[in-house]
Amino acid sequence: MGIGVSLFLLAVGAIFTFAVNGEPFGAVSIDTVGIILMIVGGLGLLLTLLFFGSSAPYRRDRTVVREERDVL
């Protein structure tokens, strides 16, 4: 899950939790679905930043210089 998907889930969850006032027919609450989406989006964002953020310093370009030795 990338940063874009995580932010999208956070936004949709916040809309369901704070902006939607109606209740659907059935046993599922819109507020509960919104909270679950926000938790999943937050965890996805955290994991994405941990995994992709920690590997950034190791992606530097390295130049290897090899010198030839004279064999006597």
Protein backbone atom coordinates (compact mmCIF):
# COMPACT_ATOMS: atom_id res chain seq x y z
CA MET A 1 0.00 0.00 0.00
CA GLY A 2 1.46 3.31 -1.00
CA ILE A 3 1.22 6.75 0.48
CA GLY A 4 -1.56 7.76 -1.92
CA VAL A 5 -3.79 4.82 -1.04
CA SER A 6 -3.19 5.38 2.68
CA LEU A 7 -4.13 9.05 2.44
CA PHE A 8 -7.20 8.14 0.40
CA LEU A 9 -8.35 5.64 3.05
CA LEU A 10 -7.76 8.22 5.79
CA ALA A 11 -9.79 10.83 3.91
CA VAL A 12 -12.70 8.48 3.13
CA GLY A 13 -12.71 7.25 6.73
CA ALA A 14 -12.80 10.80 8.06
CA ILE A 15 -15.67 11.67 5.71
CA PHE A 16 -17.64 8.61 6.82
CA THR A 17 -16.97 9.32 10.50
CA PHE A 18 -17.44 13.08 10.70
CA ALA A 19 -19.45 14.23 7.68
CA VAL A 20 -22.08 11.55 7.02
CA ASN A 21 -25.11 11.79 9.28
CA GLY A 22 -27.35 9.08 7.83
CA GLU A 23 -27.53 5.45 8.90
CA PRO A 24 -27.80 2.66 6.34
CA PHE A 25 -30.24 -0.20 6.57
CA GLY A 26 -28.59 -3.13 8.29
CA ALA A 27 -26.26 -3.77 11.18
CA VAL A 28 -23.22 -1.84 9.92
CA SER A 29 -22.64 1.66 11.25
CA ILE A 30 -21.10 4.25 8.93
CA ASP A 31 -19.10 5.65 11.87
CA THR A 32 -17.58 2.22 12.57
CA VAL A 33 -16.63 1.76 8.91
CA GLY A 34 -15.03 5.22 8.92
CA ILE A 35 -12.98 4.48 12.03
CA ILE A 36 -11.82 1.15 10.57
CA LEU A 37 -10.79 2.88 7.31
CA MET A 38 -8.86 5.54 9.22
CA ILE A 39 -7.02 2.90 11.27
CA VAL A 40 -6.12 0.88 8.17
CA GLY A 41 -5.00 4.03 6.34
CA GLY A 42 -2.89 5.17 9.30
CA LEU A 43 -1.22 1.77 9.65
CA GLY A 44 -0.58 1.64 5.91
CA LEU A 45 0.97 5.11 5.97
CA LEU A 46 3.15 4.21 8.95
CA LEU A 47 4.38 0.98 7.37
CA THR A 48 5.01 2.68 4.04
CA LEU A 49 7.10 5.39 5.68
CA LEU A 50 9.01 2.86 7.78
CA PHE A 51 9.88 0.55 4.91
CA PHE A 52 10.51 3.08 2.16
CA GLY A 53 11.94 5.79 4.39
CA SER A 54 14.58 3.56 5.99
CA SER A 55 16.03 2.35 2.69
CA ALA A 56 16.59 5.84 1.25
CA PRO A 57 20.11 6.43 2.70
CA TYR A 58 21.29 3.10 1.29
CA ARG A 59 20.30 3.97 -2.27
CA ARG A 60 23.22 6.32 -2.86
CA ASP A 61 25.23 5.95 -6.01
CA ARG A 62 28.65 4.57 -5.26
CA THR A 63 31.75 4.79 -7.39
CA VAL A 64 34.21 1.94 -7.16
CA VAL A 65 37.77 2.68 -8.22
CA ARG A 66 40.11 -0.25 -8.81
CA GLU A 67 43.80 0.24 -9.33
CA GLU A 68 45.89 -2.23 -11.22
CA ARG A 69 49.05 -3.41 -9.52
CA ASP A 70 52.27 -3.93 -11.41
CA VAL A 71 53.44 -7.51 -11.07
CA LEU A 72 57.21 -7.75 -10.83
